[in-house]
Amino acid sequence: MTLKIQRLTPTAVLPERATGQSAGLDLRADIGQAVTLPPGGASVFPTGLAIALPEGTVGLVFGRSGLGIKHGIAPSNAVGVIDADYRGEVRVGLTNHSDKPYTIEPGERIAQLVVTPVLLPEIAEVSSLDETARGAGGFGSTGRG
C-alpha cells in the first residue's frame, strides 16, 4: 500500500514513523513562528500536507502521548477523521487542557496519523434488534468503572 502525500508549502515535513513498528506517522506543525496556547486555549495548526488515502481506508489523527501526558495538549476533537476522498490540507486542532501555557514550535510533532481499513456498511432500518446477554446495559453495566 502506498500513501500519496503532496507538500503544499516548501516548509512542510513529510510524516514519518519514529520507529519501524510505530503505527502512527508523526505530523508536524507547518507554522512560520511559535504559537502559544494559553491554559484552556485552542488553535488549528496546518501541516502543509495533503494526502490521498487508499480507497477503503481512513486516516485517524491521534494526539501524541508525550504532549498529552506531560503538557495537557490534545486534539480538540479527540480523534480527527480524514476520509479517503478528502484532498485538502491536513490540519490539526489542539487544545491546552493544562493550567500552564504551552508553545508549539515550527516543525514540532503535534499529532500522529494512523491509516486503517474502514468498513462502509449499507444502512437498513429494522423494527427490532437481535437480543444479546448484555441487552441495553450501558455505562458501567458490566461492573465497576
Foldseek 3Di string as FASTA:
>chain_A
DDKDKDQQDPLADDFDAPDPPRQWTFAWFADPFKDKAAAFGKDKGFRRMWIQAPPQKKKKKWFDVCCCPVFNKTFPVHIDIGDNPDGDTDMTMITGNDNGMDMGGGGDGGITIGMDGDDDDDDDDDPDDDDDPCRPDDDQSVHDD
